[in-house]
């Protein structure tokens, strides 16, 4: 007798951005629903707006520091005030090539910190270490219009 296979519930939403402000607004509105320990994996080519998403989320939490991609430092942590979420961990894993490198920087300690959220640019190398309930944001740029983006939110 064959068992019924359990399908994972995956919700997907697509948003269209016609400019940087649309992308910032998408991320700001997304941040309104964020809970402690949420993890956002940002996928897309160079220059599609992954860091803009991080800026929009940070704007919601009144982060006054300039949000830049931590390409060379790999991680930048921002302190959140007056919120159950105490920190935003912003990763850029572009230069990370292995799980061992992630483990050496204490990646899991940040990801599983119950008082923080994590935003991960170039997350592909990290998926093996992440919990199942992550949010993936895939950003695609139009070839015809350099400002047009299709932003797909996948909640697992």
Protein backbone atom coordinates (compact mmCIF):
# COMPACT_ATOMS: atom_id res chain seq x y z
CA UNK A 1 0.00 0.00 0.00
CA UNK A 2 1.40 3.34 -1.05
CA UNK A 3 1.47 6.22 1.43
CA UNK A 4 0.16 9.57 0.38
CA UNK A 5 3.06 11.91 -0.06
CA UNK A 6 2.90 15.04 2.03
CA UNK A 7 3.36 18.14 -0.04
CA UNK A 8 5.17 21.08 1.46
CA UNK A 9 3.04 24.17 1.60
CA UNK A 10 4.70 26.89 -0.43
CA UNK A 11 3.05 30.28 -0.85
CA UNK A 12 4.29 32.47 -3.65
CA UNK A 13 3.54 36.09 -4.40
CA UNK A 14 4.81 38.19 -7.29
CA UNK A 15 5.32 41.94 -7.08
CA UNK A 16 6.24 44.29 -9.88
CA UNK A 17 8.65 47.12 -9.17
CA UNK A 18 9.08 49.91 -11.68
CA UNK A 19 11.71 51.83 -9.71
CA UNK A 20 13.83 51.83 -6.55
CA UNK A 21 11.01 53.39 -4.49
CA UNK A 22 8.66 50.53 -5.44
CA UNK A 23 11.28 48.04 -4.26
CA UNK A 24 11.83 49.97 -1.00
CA UNK A 25 8.05 50.07 -0.43
CA UNK A 26 7.73 46.33 -1.08
CA UNK A 27 10.40 45.61 1.54
CA UNK A 28 9.02 48.14 4.04
CA UNK A 29 5.56 46.57 3.80
CA UNK A 30 7.04 43.10 4.09
CA UNK A 31 8.82 44.19 7.28
CA UNK A 32 5.47 44.99 8.91
CA UNK A 33 4.85 41.23 9.15
CA UNK A 34 8.31 40.17 10.29
CA UNK A 35 8.66 38.09 13.42
CA UNK A 36 11.78 37.38 15.48
CA UNK A 37 14.00 34.73 13.89
CA UNK A 38 12.62 35.27 10.36
CA UNK A 39 15.16 34.58 7.63
CA UNK A 40 15.07 36.27 4.22
CA UNK A 41 17.16 34.79 1.41
CA UNK A 42 17.68 37.27 -1.42
CA UNK A 43 18.39 35.73 -4.82
CA UNK A 44 19.18 37.52 -8.06
CA UNK A 45 21.96 38.71 -10.32
CA UNK A 46 24.36 41.51 -9.46
CA UNK A 47 22.62 44.87 -9.33
CA UNK A 48 19.01 43.67 -9.21
CA UNK A 49 18.21 45.24 -5.84
CA UNK A 50 19.03 42.76 -3.08
CA UNK A 51 20.56 45.49 -0.93
CA UNK A 52 17.57 47.75 -1.68
CA UNK A 53 15.37 45.06 -0.09
CA UNK A 54 17.64 45.11 2.99
CA UNK A 55 17.35 48.93 3.08
CA UNK A 56 13.55 48.81 2.90
CA UNK A 57 13.34 46.32 5.76
CA UNK A 58 15.80 48.38 7.81
CA UNK A 59 13.80 51.56 7.12
CA UNK A 60 10.79 49.97 8.81
CA UNK A 61 12.90 49.34 11.93
CA UNK A 62 14.22 52.95 11.93
CA UNK A 63 17.83 51.95 11.35
CA UNK A 64 19.66 55.24 10.86
CA UNK A 65 22.95 53.75 9.63
CA UNK A 66 23.55 53.58 5.91
CA UNK A 67 22.69 50.10 4.69
CA UNK A 68 25.30 48.74 2.31
CA UNK A 69 26.01 45.21 1.24
CA UNK A 70 28.63 43.67 3.56
CA UNK A 71 30.52 42.15 0.62
CA UNK A 72 33.94 42.24 2.28
CA UNK A 73 32.94 41.91 5.93
CA UNK A 74 30.35 39.19 5.12
CA UNK A 75 28.13 40.32 8.03
CA UNK A 76 26.83 43.60 9.35
CA UNK A 77 24.58 43.62 12.43
CA UNK A 78 22.21 46.52 13.07
CA UNK A 79 20.69 47.15 16.50
CA UNK A 80 16.90 47.61 16.60
CA UNK A 81 15.40 49.69 19.41
CA UNK A 82 11.99 49.36 21.08
CA UNK A 83 11.00 46.14 19.31
CA UNK A 84 10.88 42.41 20.12
CA UNK A 85 13.39 42.10 17.29
CA UNK A 86 16.69 43.34 18.74
CA UNK A 87 19.03 42.88 15.76
CA UNK A 88 19.10 42.62 12.00
CA UNK A 89 21.89 40.38 10.72
CA UNK A 90 22.68 41.31 7.11
CA UNK A 91 24.86 38.76 5.33
CA UNK A 92 26.48 38.89 1.91
CA UNK A 93 27.72 35.38 1.10
CA UNK A 94 28.99 36.17 -2.40
CA UNK A 95 32.59 35.37 -1.44
CA UNK A 96 31.77 32.32 0.72
CA UNK A 97 32.46 29.08 -1.11
CA UNK A 98 31.74 26.34 1.46
CA UNK A 99 29.72 25.32 4.50
CA UNK A 100 32.98 25.16 6.49
CA UNK A 101 33.58 28.86 5.86
CA UNK A 102 30.09 29.63 7.15
CA UNK A 103 30.62 27.52 10.25
CA UNK A 104 33.95 29.26 10.91
CA UNK A 105 32.26 32.67 11.07
CA UNK A 106 29.60 31.43 13.51
CA UNK A 107 26.81 31.63 10.93
CA UNK A 108 24.45 29.34 12.86
CA UNK A 109 24.71 31.43 16.03
CA UNK A 110 23.38 34.43 14.14
CA UNK A 111 20.73 32.55 12.19
CA UNK A 112 19.27 30.83 15.25
CA UNK A 113 19.33 33.93 17.48
CA UNK A 114 15.71 34.27 18.63
CA UNK A 115 15.95 38.05 19.09
CA UNK A 116 17.06 38.80 15.54
CA UNK A 117 16.12 38.50 11.91
CA UNK A 118 18.53 37.63 9.11
CA UNK A 119 18.76 38.96 5.59
CA UNK A 120 21.05 36.89 3.39
CA UNK A 121 22.30 38.05 0.00
CA UNK A 122 23.70 35.26 -2.20
CA UNK A 123 22.28 32.55 0.14
CA UNK A 124 22.82 29.49 -2.06
CA UNK A 125 25.81 28.13 -0.11
CA UNK A 126 23.87 28.44 3.18
CA UNK A 127 20.65 26.55 2.39
CA UNK A 128 21.95 23.34 3.95
CA UNK A 129 22.30 25.10 7.33
CA UNK A 130 19.01 27.01 7.28
CA UNK A 131 15.76 25.90 8.90
CA UNK A 132 12.86 24.89 6.67
CA UNK A 133 10.70 27.97 7.34
CA UNK A 134 12.58 30.61 5.37
CA UNK A 135 11.40 33.30 3.01
CA UNK A 136 13.06 33.46 -0.39
CA UNK A 137 12.91 36.67 -2.39
CA UNK A 138 13.86 36.17 -6.03
CA UNK A 139 14.48 39.33 -8.00
CA UNK A 140 14.59 39.36 -11.79
CA UNK A 141 15.49 42.37 -13.90
CA UNK A 142 13.88 43.08 -17.26
CA UNK A 143 16.10 43.15 -20.34
CA UNK A 144 13.91 45.84 -21.92
CA UNK A 145 13.61 48.26 -18.98
CA UNK A 146 16.53 48.56 -16.55
CA UNK A 147 14.24 49.82 -13.74
CA UNK A 148 11.63 47.04 -13.99
CA UNK A 149 11.88 44.18 -11.48
CA UNK A 150 9.80 41.11 -10.85
CA UNK A 151 10.04 40.29 -7.15
CA UNK A 152 8.81 36.86 -6.15
CA UNK A 153 8.28 36.10 -2.47
CA UNK A 154 8.29 32.41 -1.63
CA UNK A 155 7.39 31.44 1.93
CA UNK A 156 8.30 27.91 2.90
